[in-house]
Amino acid sequence: MVTDLVCGMEINENAAGYSLILGGGKYFFCSEGCLAEFKRRPQDYLKGASDIACCDALLEKEEEKPDV
């Protein structure tokens, strides 16, 4: 299993429908939206940033956060 760097979803790399080879690494994504977001700002995600809602998994995570 690998982690989608954009939304944090765990993905089976053998069944992943979206991937990208960049700088010698291969990255896997749960959706076309996460792949597109990563392509727009790869440096942000390679540092661990993840604040853009691009797929249902991230939207659900945002809804689960308690109000501050």
N, C-alpha and C. Protein backbone atom coordinates (compact mmCIF):
# COMPACT_ATOMS: atom_id res chain seq x y z
N MET A 1 0.84 -1.18 0.00
CA MET A 1 0.00 0.00 0.00
C MET A 1 0.89 1.25 0.00
N VAL A 2 0.41 2.27 -0.68
CA VAL A 2 1.08 3.56 -0.71
C VAL A 2 0.07 4.63 -0.34
N THR A 3 0.55 5.82 -0.07
CA THR A 3 -0.32 6.93 0.33
C THR A 3 -0.37 7.99 -0.77
N ASP A 4 -1.58 8.40 -1.12
CA ASP A 4 -1.78 9.53 -2.03
C ASP A 4 -1.28 10.76 -1.28
N LEU A 5 -0.26 11.43 -1.80
CA LEU A 5 0.34 12.57 -1.11
C LEU A 5 -0.60 13.77 -1.03
N VAL A 6 -1.61 13.83 -1.87
CA VAL A 6 -2.51 14.97 -1.87
C VAL A 6 -3.58 14.83 -0.79
N CYS A 7 -4.25 13.69 -0.75
CA CYS A 7 -5.37 13.54 0.20
C CYS A 7 -5.09 12.59 1.35
N GLY A 8 -4.01 11.82 1.25
CA GLY A 8 -3.66 10.91 2.34
C GLY A 8 -4.32 9.54 2.26
N MET A 9 -5.08 9.26 1.23
CA MET A 9 -5.76 7.97 1.09
C MET A 9 -4.73 6.86 0.84
N GLU A 10 -4.95 5.71 1.47
CA GLU A 10 -4.11 4.54 1.22
C GLU A 10 -4.57 3.89 -0.08
N ILE A 11 -3.60 3.57 -0.94
CA ILE A 11 -3.90 3.04 -2.27
C ILE A 11 -3.07 1.79 -2.52
N ASN A 12 -3.68 0.78 -3.13
CA ASN A 12 -2.94 -0.39 -3.58
C ASN A 12 -2.25 -0.01 -4.88
N GLU A 13 -0.92 0.08 -4.85
CA GLU A 13 -0.19 0.55 -6.03
C GLU A 13 -0.38 -0.35 -7.25
N ASN A 14 -0.73 -1.61 -7.03
CA ASN A 14 -0.95 -2.53 -8.16
C ASN A 14 -2.29 -2.29 -8.84
N ALA A 15 -3.20 -1.62 -8.15
CA ALA A 15 -4.53 -1.37 -8.70
C ALA A 15 -4.80 0.11 -8.94
N ALA A 16 -3.83 0.96 -8.63
CA ALA A 16 -4.02 2.42 -8.76
C ALA A 16 -4.25 2.80 -10.22
N GLY A 17 -5.22 3.63 -10.44
CA GLY A 17 -5.53 4.08 -11.80
C GLY A 17 -4.74 5.30 -12.22
N TYR A 18 -4.09 5.98 -11.27
CA TYR A 18 -3.39 7.23 -11.57
C TYR A 18 -2.02 7.20 -10.92
N SER A 19 -1.00 7.48 -11.70
CA SER A 19 0.36 7.55 -11.15
C SER A 19 1.18 8.52 -11.98
N LEU A 20 2.32 8.91 -11.42
CA LEU A 20 3.21 9.86 -12.08
C LEU A 20 4.64 9.56 -11.66
N ILE A 21 5.54 9.55 -12.63
CA ILE A 21 6.96 9.42 -12.33
C ILE A 21 7.55 10.83 -12.39
N LEU A 22 8.21 11.22 -11.30
CA LEU A 22 8.77 12.57 -11.20
C LEU A 22 10.05 12.51 -10.39
N GLY A 23 11.12 13.01 -10.96
CA GLY A 23 12.38 13.08 -10.23
C GLY A 23 12.88 11.74 -9.72
N GLY A 24 12.63 10.69 -10.44
CA GLY A 24 13.09 9.37 -10.04
C GLY A 24 12.15 8.63 -9.10
N GLY A 25 11.06 9.28 -8.67
CA GLY A 25 10.09 8.62 -7.80
C GLY A 25 8.80 8.37 -8.54
N LYS A 26 8.06 7.35 -8.13
CA LYS A 26 6.75 7.08 -8.71
C LYS A 26 5.71 7.34 -7.64
N TYR A 27 4.73 8.16 -7.97
CA TYR A 27 3.69 8.57 -7.03
C TYR A 27 2.34 8.09 -7.53
N PHE A 28 1.50 7.65 -6.60
CA PHE A 28 0.20 7.09 -6.93
C PHE A 28 -0.91 7.97 -6.36
N PHE A 29 -2.04 8.02 -7.08
CA PHE A 29 -3.14 8.90 -6.70
C PHE A 29 -4.47 8.17 -6.78
N CYS A 30 -5.40 8.57 -5.93
CA CYS A 30 -6.71 7.92 -5.88
C CYS A 30 -7.65 8.41 -6.97
N SER A 31 -7.37 9.59 -7.53
CA SER A 31 -8.30 10.16 -8.50
C SER A 31 -7.55 11.07 -9.47
N GLU A 32 -8.22 11.40 -10.55
CA GLU A 32 -7.66 12.34 -11.52
C GLU A 32 -7.47 13.71 -10.88
N GLY A 33 -8.37 14.08 -9.98
CA GLY A 33 -8.27 15.37 -9.30
C GLY A 33 -7.03 15.48 -8.43
N CYS A 34 -6.70 14.41 -7.71
CA CYS A 34 -5.49 14.43 -6.88
C CYS A 34 -4.24 14.47 -7.76
N LEU A 35 -4.24 13.72 -8.85
CA LEU A 35 -3.11 13.75 -9.77
C LEU A 35 -2.92 15.16 -10.34
N ALA A 36 -4.01 15.79 -10.77
CA ALA A 36 -3.94 17.14 -11.34
C ALA A 36 -3.43 18.14 -10.31
N GLU A 37 -3.89 18.04 -9.08
CA GLU A 37 -3.45 18.95 -8.03
C GLU A 37 -1.95 18.75 -7.75
N PHE A 38 -1.50 17.53 -7.70
CA PHE A 38 -0.09 17.25 -7.49
C PHE A 38 0.75 17.84 -8.61
N LYS A 39 0.29 17.70 -9.85
CA LYS A 39 1.03 18.24 -11.00
C LYS A 39 1.14 19.76 -10.93
N ARG A 40 0.11 20.43 -10.37
CA ARG A 40 0.14 21.90 -10.26
C ARG A 40 1.19 22.37 -9.26
N ARG A 41 1.36 21.61 -8.15
CA ARG A 41 2.24 22.07 -7.07
C ARG A 41 3.01 20.90 -6.44
N PRO A 42 3.79 20.17 -7.22
CA PRO A 42 4.45 18.99 -6.65
C PRO A 42 5.35 19.31 -5.47
N GLN A 43 6.02 20.46 -5.50
CA GLN A 43 6.93 20.80 -4.41
C GLN A 43 6.19 20.90 -3.08
N ASP A 44 4.96 21.36 -3.09
CA ASP A 44 4.19 21.45 -1.85
C ASP A 44 3.89 20.08 -1.27
N TYR A 45 3.53 19.14 -2.11
CA TYR A 45 3.15 17.81 -1.64
C TYR A 45 4.36 16.96 -1.30
N LEU A 46 5.46 17.19 -1.95
CA LEU A 46 6.67 16.46 -1.61
C LEU A 46 7.21 16.91 -0.25
N LYS A 47 6.82 18.10 0.19
CA LYS A 47 7.16 18.58 1.53
C LYS A 47 6.16 18.10 2.56
N GLY A 48 5.01 17.55 2.10
CA GLY A 48 4.02 17.05 3.03
C GLY A 48 2.79 17.93 3.18
N ALA A 49 2.69 19.01 2.41
CA ALA A 49 1.51 19.88 2.49
C ALA A 49 0.31 19.17 1.89
N SER A 50 -0.86 19.37 2.47
CA SER A 50 -2.08 18.77 1.95
C SER A 50 -3.28 19.57 2.43
N ASP A 51 -3.64 20.62 1.69
CA ASP A 51 -4.74 21.46 2.15
C ASP A 51 -5.75 21.78 1.07
N ILE A 52 -5.68 21.11 -0.06
CA ILE A 52 -6.60 21.39 -1.15
C ILE A 52 -7.58 20.23 -1.31
N ALA A 53 -8.87 20.52 -1.27
CA ALA A 53 -9.87 19.47 -1.44
C ALA A 53 -9.98 19.12 -2.92
N CYS A 54 -9.55 17.91 -3.26
CA CYS A 54 -9.53 17.52 -4.67
C CYS A 54 -10.27 16.21 -4.89
N CYS A 55 -10.65 15.53 -3.84
CA CYS A 55 -11.38 14.27 -4.00
C CYS A 55 -12.24 14.04 -2.77
N ASP A 56 -13.12 13.07 -2.83
CA ASP A 56 -14.04 12.79 -1.73
C ASP A 56 -13.33 12.46 -0.43
N ALA A 57 -12.19 11.77 -0.49
CA ALA A 57 -11.49 11.38 0.74
C ALA A 57 -11.07 12.60 1.53
N LEU A 58 -10.55 13.61 0.88
CA LEU A 58 -10.11 14.81 1.60
C LEU A 58 -11.32 15.61 2.09
N LEU A 59 -12.36 15.67 1.30
CA LEU A 59 -13.56 16.38 1.73
C LEU A 59 -14.13 15.75 2.99
N GLU A 60 -14.14 14.42 3.06
CA GLU A 60 -14.65 13.73 4.25
C GLU A 60 -13.76 14.03 5.45
N LYS A 61 -12.45 14.06 5.27
CA LYS A 61 -11.54 14.39 6.36
C LYS A 61 -11.83 15.78 6.91
N GLU A 62 -12.05 16.73 6.01
CA GLU A 62 -12.33 18.11 6.44
C GLU A 62 -13.61 18.17 7.26
N GLU A 63 -14.62 17.40 6.87
CA GLU A 63 -15.89 17.42 7.59
C GLU A 63 -15.76 16.83 8.97
N GLU A 64 -14.81 15.91 9.17
CA GLU A 64 -14.63 15.26 10.46
C GLU A 64 -13.87 16.11 11.47
N LYS A 65 -13.21 17.17 11.02
CA LYS A 65 -12.42 18.00 11.93
C LYS A 65 -13.38 18.76 12.87
N PRO A 66 -13.06 18.79 14.16
CA PRO A 66 -13.91 19.54 15.10
C PRO A 66 -13.76 21.03 14.89
N ASP A 67 -14.83 21.75 15.18
CA ASP A 67 -14.79 23.21 15.07
C ASP A 67 -13.90 23.76 16.17
N VAL A 68 -13.14 24.79 15.82
CA VAL A 68 -12.23 25.39 16.81
C VAL A 68 -12.73 26.76 17.17
